[in-house]
Amino acid sequence: MAFPPASTRYDEIYDFLLSSPSPEEVVALHAPENLQQRLDELLELNRQRQLSVSEQEELDDLLRLNRFIGRLKVRARQKLAGK
């Protein structure tokens, strides 16, 4: 399955961040459904040890994106809590 390059995958996140979201909007942020589905597919292939080199790179990239979103949410929750 051909999947968009990382720069394209990040475009939606860039646009979101450039919209100056509120902390509440950041907390509500989630990966687009197509990216979540692809991540689930890659994680299952990884569990089965059936990832190609390019799929492993794609998985690594999606996991980085997932961690980035997670860190944004933590910071937004801290801001909401007044920390």
Protein backbone atom coordinates (compact mmCIF):
# COMPACT_ATOMS: atom_id res chain seq x y z
CA MET A 1 0.00 0.00 0.00
CA ALA A 2 1.43 3.36 -0.98
CA PHE A 3 1.29 5.78 1.88
CA PRO A 4 1.84 9.55 1.82
CA PRO A 5 5.33 10.74 2.68
CA ALA A 6 5.97 12.04 6.20
CA SER A 7 5.82 15.66 5.08
CA THR A 8 2.26 15.12 3.81
CA ARG A 9 1.25 13.22 6.94
CA TYR A 10 2.40 16.11 9.10
CA ASP A 11 0.56 18.76 7.05
CA GLU A 12 -2.69 18.30 8.97
CA ILE A 13 -0.83 18.68 12.28
CA TYR A 14 1.03 21.76 11.01
CA ASP A 15 -2.25 23.34 9.89
CA PHE A 16 -3.82 22.55 13.25
CA LEU A 17 -0.93 24.12 15.16
CA LEU A 18 -0.93 27.19 12.93
CA SER A 19 -4.59 27.73 13.76
CA SER A 20 -3.54 28.67 17.34
CA PRO A 21 -5.64 25.98 19.02
CA SER A 22 -6.78 26.31 22.60
CA PRO A 23 -5.46 23.83 25.17
CA GLU A 24 -8.87 22.13 25.05
CA GLU A 25 -8.57 21.70 21.29
CA VAL A 26 -5.09 20.23 21.71
CA VAL A 27 -6.37 17.73 24.27
CA ALA A 28 -9.13 16.73 21.83
CA LEU A 29 -6.65 16.28 18.95
CA HIS A 30 -6.28 12.80 17.53
CA ALA A 31 -4.63 11.26 14.52
CA PRO A 32 -6.72 11.17 11.36
CA GLU A 33 -8.59 7.87 10.99
CA ASN A 34 -6.54 6.75 7.98
CA LEU A 35 -3.29 7.24 9.91
CA GLN A 36 -4.64 5.39 12.94
CA GLN A 37 -5.76 2.49 10.75
CA ARG A 38 -2.37 2.34 9.08
CA LEU A 39 -0.61 2.44 12.44
CA ASP A 40 -2.78 -0.44 13.64
CA GLU A 41 -1.92 -2.44 10.49
CA LEU A 42 1.79 -1.83 10.90
CA LEU A 43 1.72 -2.70 14.60
CA GLU A 44 0.01 -5.99 13.78
CA LEU A 45 2.59 -6.78 11.09
CA ASN A 46 5.30 -5.91 13.57
CA ARG A 47 3.83 -8.30 16.14
CA GLN A 48 3.90 -10.99 13.47
CA ARG A 49 7.47 -9.98 12.53
CA GLN A 50 6.40 -9.42 8.94
CA LEU A 51 7.45 -5.81 8.38
CA SER A 52 9.54 -4.87 5.37
CA VAL A 53 12.29 -2.29 5.81
CA SER A 54 10.10 0.45 4.34
CA GLU A 55 7.18 -0.54 6.57
CA GLN A 56 9.47 -0.43 9.62
CA GLU A 57 10.52 3.10 8.64
CA GLU A 58 6.87 4.05 8.18
CA LEU A 59 5.99 2.57 11.58
CA ASP A 60 8.85 4.47 13.21
CA ASP A 61 7.63 7.70 11.63
CA LEU A 62 4.04 7.16 12.75
CA LEU A 63 5.19 6.33 16.27
CA ARG A 64 7.20 9.58 16.36
CA LEU A 65 4.09 11.47 15.29
CA ASN A 66 2.04 9.68 17.94
CA ARG A 67 4.58 10.57 20.66
CA PHE A 68 4.63 14.20 19.49
CA ILE A 69 0.84 14.44 19.73
CA GLY A 70 0.96 12.78 23.13
CA ARG A 71 3.49 15.31 24.39
CA LEU A 72 1.37 18.18 23.08
CA LYS A 73 -1.61 16.82 24.99
CA VAL A 74 0.40 16.51 28.21
CA ARG A 75 1.52 20.13 27.95
CA ALA A 76 -2.03 21.28 27.18
CA ARG A 77 -3.39 19.39 30.20
CA GLN A 78 -0.70 20.98 32.39
CA LYS A 79 -1.68 24.39 31.11
CA LEU A 80 -5.33 23.68 31.83
CA ALA A 81 -4.42 22.57 35.33
CA GLY A 82 -2.54 25.82 35.87
CA LYS A 83 0.95 24.33 36.06
